Amino acid sequence: MSLFHELYERYARDVHRFAFYLCGDRALADDITSETFVRAWSSDTEVRLATAKAYLFAIARNLVNAERRRGRRLTTLDELAAQPGREPGAEQSMRLAETLGALETLNEADRAALLMRAEHGMDYATIANTLGVSEGAAKVRVHRARATMARMMGVKR
């Protein structure tokens, strides 16, 4: 099995989920996922397995940001949660809408840091490398995002 195939099999779902949470559009997340792997495959930079996931997330994040700079209207996560048929129960739908709404209020870098830590279990050094900040700044971003989410959702800390 080629390295590229192994990377795709191992990380495509994670990259897609990450891109989706950043942009809120499933079709765009599909495109970003594809483009992420094309760029990784065609890059002159050697992809190391130890840091591959962070490298792929950095590419995906840059692609989402490029879409924003182009002025493409990205679906908000609130709009997505409000679409019928997304969650089975009314209470679950309300909780999902509340969570996605709180996530939407975070700035892009804080949201990315939180998702990398909470959803993908990345360590702070990897998050820092992906975002191009110090490890301390990555910790601050995750903490700030968690605190904002808790405050928005009325959770006592």
N, C-alpha and C. Protein backbone atom coordinates (compact mmCIF):
# COMPACT_ATOMS: atom_id res chain seq x y z
N MET A 1 0.85 -1.17 0.00
CA MET A 1 0.00 0.00 0.00
C MET A 1 0.90 1.24 0.00
N SER A 2 0.56 2.21 -0.81
CA SER A 2 1.37 3.43 -0.90
C SER A 2 1.14 4.30 0.34
N LEU A 3 2.11 5.17 0.58
CA LEU A 3 2.01 6.10 1.71
C LEU A 3 0.77 6.97 1.56
N PHE A 4 0.53 7.46 0.36
CA PHE A 4 -0.62 8.33 0.13
C PHE A 4 -1.93 7.59 0.45
N HIS A 5 -2.05 6.37 -0.03
CA HIS A 5 -3.26 5.58 0.23
C HIS A 5 -3.43 5.35 1.73
N GLU A 6 -2.33 5.05 2.40
CA GLU A 6 -2.39 4.83 3.84
C GLU A 6 -2.83 6.10 4.58
N LEU A 7 -2.28 7.25 4.18
CA LEU A 7 -2.68 8.52 4.78
C LEU A 7 -4.16 8.79 4.55
N TYR A 8 -4.60 8.56 3.33
CA TYR A 8 -6.00 8.82 3.02
C TYR A 8 -6.92 7.92 3.84
N GLU A 9 -6.61 6.64 3.87
CA GLU A 9 -7.44 5.69 4.63
C GLU A 9 -7.48 6.05 6.11
N ARG A 10 -6.36 6.48 6.64
CA ARG A 10 -6.25 6.76 8.07
C ARG A 10 -6.89 8.08 8.46
N TYR A 11 -6.78 9.12 7.60
CA TYR A 11 -7.13 10.47 8.04
C TYR A 11 -8.25 11.16 7.27
N ALA A 12 -8.76 10.59 6.22
CA ALA A 12 -9.77 11.29 5.40
C ALA A 12 -11.00 11.67 6.22
N ARG A 13 -11.50 10.77 7.02
CA ARG A 13 -12.70 11.08 7.83
C ARG A 13 -12.42 12.22 8.81
N ASP A 14 -11.26 12.18 9.44
CA ASP A 14 -10.91 13.23 10.40
C ASP A 14 -10.77 14.58 9.72
N VAL A 15 -10.12 14.60 8.57
CA VAL A 15 -9.95 15.85 7.83
C VAL A 15 -11.31 16.38 7.40
N HIS A 16 -12.18 15.50 6.93
CA HIS A 16 -13.52 15.92 6.50
C HIS A 16 -14.31 16.51 7.67
N ARG A 17 -14.29 15.83 8.79
CA ARG A 17 -15.03 16.31 9.97
C ARG A 17 -14.47 17.67 10.43
N PHE A 18 -13.17 17.79 10.44
CA PHE A 18 -12.52 19.04 10.84
C PHE A 18 -12.92 20.17 9.88
N ALA A 19 -12.84 19.92 8.59
CA ALA A 19 -13.21 20.93 7.59
C ALA A 19 -14.69 21.30 7.72
N PHE A 20 -15.53 20.31 7.95
CA PHE A 20 -16.96 20.57 8.09
C PHE A 20 -17.24 21.46 9.30
N TYR A 21 -16.60 21.17 10.43
CA TYR A 21 -16.81 22.00 11.61
C TYR A 21 -16.29 23.41 11.43
N LEU A 22 -15.29 23.58 10.58
CA LEU A 22 -14.77 24.92 10.33
C LEU A 22 -15.64 25.70 9.36
N CYS A 23 -16.19 25.02 8.33
CA CYS A 23 -16.92 25.76 7.29
C CYS A 23 -18.43 25.59 7.35
N GLY A 24 -18.94 24.51 7.94
CA GLY A 24 -20.37 24.32 8.06
C GLY A 24 -21.08 23.87 6.80
N ASP A 25 -20.35 23.44 5.79
CA ASP A 25 -20.93 23.05 4.50
C ASP A 25 -20.37 21.70 4.10
N ARG A 26 -21.24 20.70 4.03
CA ARG A 26 -20.78 19.34 3.73
C ARG A 26 -20.12 19.24 2.35
N ALA A 27 -20.71 19.87 1.35
CA ALA A 27 -20.15 19.79 0.00
C ALA A 27 -18.78 20.47 -0.04
N LEU A 28 -18.67 21.62 0.61
CA LEU A 28 -17.38 22.31 0.64
C LEU A 28 -16.38 21.48 1.43
N ALA A 29 -16.80 20.85 2.52
CA ALA A 29 -15.91 19.98 3.30
C ALA A 29 -15.41 18.82 2.44
N ASP A 30 -16.28 18.28 1.58
CA ASP A 30 -15.86 17.23 0.64
C ASP A 30 -14.75 17.75 -0.27
N ASP A 31 -14.98 18.95 -0.84
CA ASP A 31 -14.00 19.55 -1.74
C ASP A 31 -12.68 19.84 -1.02
N ILE A 32 -12.79 20.37 0.18
CA ILE A 32 -11.59 20.70 0.95
C ILE A 32 -10.82 19.44 1.31
N THR A 33 -11.53 18.40 1.67
CA THR A 33 -10.86 17.13 1.98
C THR A 33 -10.09 16.61 0.77
N SER A 34 -10.75 16.61 -0.38
CA SER A 34 -10.08 16.16 -1.60
C SER A 34 -8.86 17.02 -1.91
N GLU A 35 -9.06 18.32 -1.86
CA GLU A 35 -7.96 19.25 -2.18
C GLU A 35 -6.82 19.12 -1.17
N THR A 36 -7.14 18.86 0.09
CA THR A 36 -6.11 18.67 1.11
C THR A 36 -5.19 17.52 0.73
N PHE A 37 -5.78 16.41 0.34
CA PHE A 37 -4.95 15.24 0.00
C PHE A 37 -4.21 15.44 -1.32
N VAL A 38 -4.81 16.14 -2.26
CA VAL A 38 -4.11 16.45 -3.51
C VAL A 38 -2.88 17.30 -3.22
N ARG A 39 -3.06 18.31 -2.38
CA ARG A 39 -1.93 19.18 -2.04
C ARG A 39 -0.85 18.43 -1.27
N ALA A 40 -1.25 17.57 -0.35
CA ALA A 40 -0.27 16.78 0.40
C ALA A 40 0.50 15.85 -0.54
N TRP A 41 -0.20 15.26 -1.47
CA TRP A 41 0.41 14.32 -2.41
C TRP A 41 1.35 15.02 -3.38
N SER A 42 0.98 16.21 -3.83
CA SER A 42 1.77 16.91 -4.84
C SER A 42 2.82 17.86 -4.24
N SER A 43 2.87 17.94 -2.93
CA SER A 43 3.81 18.85 -2.27
C SER A 43 5.23 18.33 -2.35
N ASP A 44 6.17 19.25 -2.37
CA ASP A 44 7.59 18.89 -2.32
C ASP A 44 8.01 18.53 -0.90
N THR A 45 7.18 18.90 0.07
CA THR A 45 7.46 18.62 1.47
C THR A 45 7.23 17.15 1.76
N GLU A 46 8.19 16.55 2.43
CA GLU A 46 8.04 15.14 2.80
C GLU A 46 7.02 15.02 3.93
N VAL A 47 6.05 14.14 3.76
CA VAL A 47 5.03 13.92 4.78
C VAL A 47 5.55 12.84 5.73
N ARG A 48 5.68 13.22 7.00
CA ARG A 48 6.11 12.26 8.02
C ARG A 48 4.89 11.72 8.73
N LEU A 49 4.81 10.43 8.89
CA LEU A 49 3.65 9.81 9.52
C LEU A 49 3.39 10.34 10.92
N ALA A 50 4.44 10.67 11.64
CA ALA A 50 4.28 11.14 13.02
C ALA A 50 3.52 12.46 13.09
N THR A 51 3.62 13.29 12.06
CA THR A 51 2.97 14.60 12.07
C THR A 51 1.97 14.78 10.93
N ALA A 52 1.62 13.69 10.29
CA ALA A 52 0.76 13.76 9.10
C ALA A 52 -0.60 14.39 9.39
N LYS A 53 -1.22 14.01 10.48
CA LYS A 53 -2.56 14.52 10.78
C LYS A 53 -2.53 16.04 10.96
N ALA A 54 -1.58 16.53 11.71
CA ALA A 54 -1.46 17.98 11.91
C ALA A 54 -1.19 18.68 10.59
N TYR A 55 -0.35 18.09 9.77
CA TYR A 55 -0.02 18.66 8.46
C TYR A 55 -1.28 18.74 7.59
N LEU A 56 -2.07 17.68 7.58
CA LEU A 56 -3.31 17.67 6.80
C LEU A 56 -4.31 18.68 7.34
N PHE A 57 -4.42 18.79 8.66
CA PHE A 57 -5.32 19.78 9.26
C PHE A 57 -4.90 21.20 8.90
N ALA A 58 -3.61 21.44 8.89
CA ALA A 58 -3.12 22.78 8.52
C ALA A 58 -3.50 23.11 7.08
N ILE A 59 -3.36 22.16 6.19
CA ILE A 59 -3.76 22.38 4.79
C ILE A 59 -5.26 22.66 4.71
N ALA A 60 -6.06 21.83 5.39
CA ALA A 60 -7.52 21.99 5.36
C ALA A 60 -7.93 23.35 5.93
N ARG A 61 -7.32 23.74 7.03
CA ARG A 61 -7.63 25.04 7.65
C ARG A 61 -7.29 26.18 6.70
N ASN A 62 -6.16 26.10 6.05
CA ASN A 62 -5.77 27.13 5.08
C ASN A 62 -6.74 27.19 3.91
N LEU A 63 -7.24 26.05 3.47
CA LEU A 63 -8.21 26.03 2.37
C LEU A 63 -9.54 26.66 2.79
N VAL A 64 -9.99 26.38 4.00
CA VAL A 64 -11.23 27.00 4.51
C VAL A 64 -11.04 28.51 4.59
N ASN A 65 -9.91 28.93 5.12
CA ASN A 65 -9.64 30.38 5.21
C ASN A 65 -9.57 31.02 3.83
N ALA A 66 -9.03 30.31 2.86
CA ALA A 66 -8.98 30.84 1.48
C ALA A 66 -10.39 31.02 0.93
N GLU A 67 -11.28 30.11 1.25
CA GLU A 67 -12.68 30.24 0.81
C GLU A 67 -13.32 31.47 1.45
N ARG A 68 -13.03 31.70 2.71
CA ARG A 68 -13.56 32.89 3.39
C ARG A 68 -13.03 34.17 2.74
N ARG A 69 -11.74 34.18 2.43
CA ARG A 69 -11.15 35.37 1.80
C ARG A 69 -11.76 35.63 0.42
N ARG A 70 -12.12 34.59 -0.27
CA ARG A 70 -12.75 34.74 -1.59
C ARG A 70 -14.17 35.28 -1.47
N GLY A 71 -14.67 35.32 -0.24
CA GLY A 71 -16.00 35.86 -0.03
C GLY A 71 -17.11 34.85 -0.21
N ARG A 72 -16.74 33.60 -0.33
CA ARG A 72 -17.77 32.56 -0.47
C ARG A 72 -18.58 32.52 0.81
N ARG A 73 -19.89 32.51 0.66
CA ARG A 73 -20.75 32.46 1.82
C ARG A 73 -20.75 31.04 2.37
N LEU A 74 -20.21 30.88 3.56
CA LEU A 74 -20.17 29.58 4.19
C LEU A 74 -21.40 29.43 5.07
N THR A 75 -22.00 28.26 5.05
CA THR A 75 -23.15 27.98 5.88
C THR A 75 -22.75 28.04 7.34
N THR A 76 -23.52 28.74 8.13
CA THR A 76 -23.20 28.75 9.55
C THR A 76 -23.65 27.43 10.15
N LEU A 77 -23.01 27.05 11.24
CA LEU A 77 -23.38 25.82 11.90
C LEU A 77 -24.79 25.91 12.47
N ASP A 78 -25.23 27.12 12.87
CA ASP A 78 -26.61 27.31 13.33
C ASP A 78 -27.60 26.96 12.23
N GLU A 79 -27.34 27.45 11.03
CA GLU A 79 -28.23 27.16 9.90
C GLU A 79 -28.29 25.67 9.62
N LEU A 80 -27.15 25.02 9.73
CA LEU A 80 -27.08 23.59 9.48
C LEU A 80 -27.89 22.82 10.51
N ALA A 81 -27.77 23.20 11.78
CA ALA A 81 -28.50 22.51 12.84
C ALA A 81 -30.00 22.71 12.71
N ALA A 82 -30.42 23.83 12.12
CA ALA A 82 -31.84 24.14 11.98
C ALA A 82 -32.50 23.37 10.84
N GLN A 83 -31.71 22.74 9.99
CA GLN A 83 -32.28 22.00 8.88
C GLN A 83 -33.01 20.77 9.41
N PRO A 84 -34.18 20.46 8.85
CA PRO A 84 -34.95 19.33 9.34
C PRO A 84 -34.23 18.01 9.11
N GLY A 85 -34.46 17.06 10.03
CA GLY A 85 -33.94 15.72 9.85
C GLY A 85 -32.50 15.53 10.29
N ARG A 86 -31.90 16.50 10.94
CA ARG A 86 -30.50 16.37 11.34
C ARG A 86 -30.35 15.53 12.61
N GLU A 87 -31.26 15.68 13.56
CA GLU A 87 -31.20 14.93 14.82
C GLU A 87 -32.59 14.37 15.10
N PRO A 88 -32.66 13.18 15.68
CA PRO A 88 -33.97 12.55 15.87
C PRO A 88 -34.89 13.24 16.86
N GLY A 89 -34.43 13.64 18.03
CA GLY A 89 -35.32 14.19 19.05
C GLY A 89 -35.24 15.69 19.14
N ALA A 90 -36.34 16.30 19.58
CA ALA A 90 -36.40 17.76 19.71
C ALA A 90 -35.36 18.26 20.72
N GLU A 91 -35.23 17.55 21.84
CA GLU A 91 -34.26 17.95 22.86
C GLU A 91 -32.83 17.85 22.32
N GLN A 92 -32.55 16.78 21.59
CA GLN A 92 -31.22 16.62 20.99
C GLN A 92 -30.98 17.70 19.95
N SER A 93 -32.01 18.02 19.18
CA SER A 93 -31.87 19.07 18.17
C SER A 93 -31.58 20.42 18.81
N MET A 94 -32.27 20.70 19.90
CA MET A 94 -32.04 21.97 20.58
C MET A 94 -30.63 22.02 21.17
N ARG A 95 -30.19 20.91 21.76
CA ARG A 95 -28.85 20.86 22.34
C ARG A 95 -27.78 20.99 21.25
N LEU A 96 -28.00 20.32 20.12
CA LEU A 96 -27.07 20.41 19.00
C LEU A 96 -27.02 21.84 18.47
N ALA A 97 -28.17 22.46 18.31
CA ALA A 97 -28.21 23.84 17.82
C ALA A 97 -27.49 24.78 18.79
N GLU A 98 -27.70 24.56 20.08
CA GLU A 98 -27.04 25.38 21.09
C GLU A 98 -25.52 25.20 21.04
N THR A 99 -25.09 23.95 20.94
CA THR A 99 -23.65 23.66 20.88
C THR A 99 -23.03 24.24 19.62
N LEU A 100 -23.67 24.03 18.49
CA LEU A 100 -23.13 24.55 17.23
C LEU A 100 -23.15 26.07 17.21
N GLY A 101 -24.18 26.66 17.80
CA GLY A 101 -24.24 28.12 17.89
C GLY A 101 -23.11 28.67 18.73
N ALA A 102 -22.83 28.02 19.84
CA ALA A 102 -21.72 28.46 20.69
C ALA A 102 -20.38 28.27 19.97
N LEU A 103 -20.24 27.16 19.26
CA LEU A 103 -19.02 26.91 18.49
C LEU A 103 -18.83 27.96 17.41
N GLU A 104 -19.93 28.39 16.82
CA GLU A 104 -19.88 29.40 15.75
C GLU A 104 -19.40 30.76 16.26
N THR A 105 -19.61 31.04 17.54
CA THR A 105 -19.19 32.34 18.08
C THR A 105 -17.68 32.44 18.28
N LEU A 106 -17.01 31.31 18.32
CA LEU A 106 -15.56 31.32 18.52
C LEU A 106 -14.86 31.84 17.28
N ASN A 107 -13.75 32.54 17.49
CA ASN A 107 -12.98 32.92 16.31
C ASN A 107 -12.39 31.66 15.70
N GLU A 108 -12.00 31.75 14.45
CA GLU A 108 -11.60 30.57 13.69
C GLU A 108 -10.43 29.83 14.34
N ALA A 109 -9.44 30.53 14.83
CA ALA A 109 -8.26 29.88 15.41
C ALA A 109 -8.62 29.16 16.71
N ASP A 110 -9.46 29.78 17.55
CA ASP A 110 -9.88 29.14 18.79
C ASP A 110 -10.74 27.91 18.50
N ARG A 111 -11.64 28.03 17.53
CA ARG A 111 -12.48 26.90 17.15
C ARG A 111 -11.62 25.74 16.64
N ALA A 112 -10.65 26.05 15.79
CA ALA A 112 -9.76 25.02 15.25
C ALA A 112 -8.98 24.34 16.38
N ALA A 113 -8.44 25.14 17.31
CA ALA A 113 -7.68 24.59 18.43
C ALA A 113 -8.56 23.67 19.28
N LEU A 114 -9.76 24.12 19.59
CA LEU A 114 -10.68 23.32 20.40
C LEU A 114 -11.03 22.01 19.70
N LEU A 115 -11.33 22.08 18.42
CA LEU A 115 -11.68 20.87 17.68
C LEU A 115 -10.51 19.89 17.61
N MET A 116 -9.32 20.41 17.39
CA MET A 116 -8.15 19.53 17.34
C MET A 116 -7.93 18.83 18.68
N ARG A 117 -8.17 19.54 19.77
CA ARG A 117 -7.95 18.96 21.10
C ARG A 117 -9.11 18.04 21.51
N ALA A 118 -10.34 18.54 21.42
CA ALA A 118 -11.50 17.79 21.93
C ALA A 118 -11.96 16.69 20.98
N GLU A 119 -12.01 16.98 19.72
CA GLU A 119 -12.54 16.02 18.75
C GLU A 119 -11.48 15.03 18.29
N HIS A 120 -10.24 15.50 18.17
CA HIS A 120 -9.21 14.65 17.59
C HIS A 120 -8.11 14.27 18.56
N GLY A 121 -8.17 14.75 19.80
CA GLY A 121 -7.23 14.35 20.83
C GLY A 121 -5.78 14.73 20.57
N MET A 122 -5.57 15.78 19.80
CA MET A 122 -4.20 16.19 19.51
C MET A 122 -3.56 16.82 20.74
N ASP A 123 -2.26 16.63 20.89
CA ASP A 123 -1.55 17.26 22.00
C ASP A 123 -1.29 18.73 21.66
N TYR A 124 -0.95 19.50 22.69
CA TYR A 124 -0.79 20.94 22.50
C TYR A 124 0.36 21.29 21.57
N ALA A 125 1.42 20.51 21.58
CA ALA A 125 2.55 20.78 20.69
C ALA A 125 2.12 20.65 19.23
N THR A 126 1.32 19.65 18.93
CA THR A 126 0.84 19.44 17.57
C THR A 126 -0.12 20.55 17.16
N ILE A 127 -1.00 20.93 18.07
CA ILE A 127 -1.93 22.03 17.80
C ILE A 127 -1.14 23.32 17.54
N ALA A 128 -0.15 23.57 18.36
CA ALA A 128 0.68 24.76 18.19
C ALA A 128 1.36 24.77 16.83
N ASN A 129 1.92 23.64 16.46
CA ASN A 129 2.60 23.52 15.17
C ASN A 129 1.62 23.75 14.02
N THR A 130 0.44 23.19 14.13
CA THR A 130 -0.58 23.32 13.08
C THR A 130 -1.04 24.77 12.93
N LEU A 131 -1.22 25.46 14.05
CA LEU A 131 -1.71 26.83 14.02
C LEU A 131 -0.58 27.86 13.85
N GLY A 132 0.66 27.42 13.98
CA GLY A 132 1.78 28.34 13.86
C GLY A 132 1.92 29.27 15.04
N VAL A 133 1.63 28.74 16.24
CA VAL A 133 1.75 29.52 17.47
C VAL A 133 2.58 28.73 18.47
N SER A 134 2.90 29.35 19.60
CA SER A 134 3.64 28.64 20.64
C SER A 134 2.72 27.63 21.34
N GLU A 135 3.33 26.69 22.04
CA GLU A 135 2.54 25.70 22.77
C GLU A 135 1.68 26.38 23.84
N GLY A 136 2.24 27.38 24.49
CA GLY A 136 1.48 28.13 25.50
C GLY A 136 0.26 28.82 24.88
N ALA A 137 0.46 29.39 23.70
CA ALA A 137 -0.66 30.05 23.01
C ALA A 137 -1.72 29.03 22.61
N ALA A 138 -1.30 27.83 22.24
CA ALA A 138 -2.28 26.79 21.90
C ALA A 138 -3.11 26.42 23.13
N LYS A 139 -2.45 26.30 24.27
CA LYS A 139 -3.17 26.00 25.52
C LYS A 139 -4.16 27.10 25.85
N VAL A 140 -3.73 28.35 25.68
CA VAL A 140 -4.63 29.48 25.95
C VAL A 140 -5.82 29.44 25.01
N ARG A 141 -5.60 29.16 23.73
CA ARG A 141 -6.71 29.11 22.77
C ARG A 141 -7.73 28.04 23.15
N VAL A 142 -7.24 26.86 23.51
CA VAL A 142 -8.16 25.78 23.90
C VAL A 142 -8.91 26.15 25.17
N HIS A 143 -8.20 26.67 26.16
CA HIS A 143 -8.85 27.07 27.42
C HIS A 143 -9.90 28.16 27.17
N ARG A 144 -9.52 29.17 26.39
CA ARG A 144 -10.44 30.27 26.09
C ARG A 144 -11.67 29.74 25.35
N ALA A 145 -11.47 28.84 24.41
CA ALA A 145 -12.60 28.28 23.66
C ALA A 145 -13.52 27.47 24.57
N ARG A 146 -12.93 26.67 25.44
CA ARG A 146 -13.74 25.88 26.39
C ARG A 146 -14.53 26.80 27.32
N ALA A 147 -13.88 27.83 27.82
CA ALA A 147 -14.56 28.77 28.73
C ALA A 147 -15.70 29.48 28.02
N THR A 148 -15.47 29.90 26.80
CA THR A 148 -16.52 30.58 26.02
C THR A 148 -17.68 29.63 25.77
N MET A 149 -17.37 28.40 25.38
CA MET A 149 -18.43 27.41 25.13
C MET A 149 -19.24 27.17 26.40
N ALA A 150 -18.56 27.01 27.53
CA ALA A 150 -19.26 26.77 28.80
C ALA A 150 -20.15 27.95 29.16
N ARG A 151 -19.64 29.16 29.00
CA ARG A 151 -20.41 30.37 29.30
C ARG A 151 -21.63 30.46 28.38
N MET A 152 -21.44 30.20 27.10
CA MET A 152 -22.52 30.31 26.12
C MET A 152 -23.62 29.26 26.40
N MET A 153 -23.22 28.14 26.92
CA MET A 153 -24.17 27.05 27.13
C MET A 153 -24.66 26.98 28.58
N GLY A 154 -24.23 27.97 29.40
CA GLY A 154 -24.71 28.03 30.77
C GLY A 154 -24.19 26.95 31.68
N VAL A 155 -23.01 26.43 31.39
CA VAL A 155 -22.42 25.38 32.21
C VAL A 155 -21.61 26.02 33.32
N LYS A 156 -21.81 25.53 34.54
CA LYS A 156 -21.05 26.02 35.69
C LYS A 156 -19.70 25.35 35.66
N ARG A 157 -18.63 26.16 35.86
CA ARG A 157 -17.27 25.62 35.86
C ARG A 157 -16.70 25.60 37.24
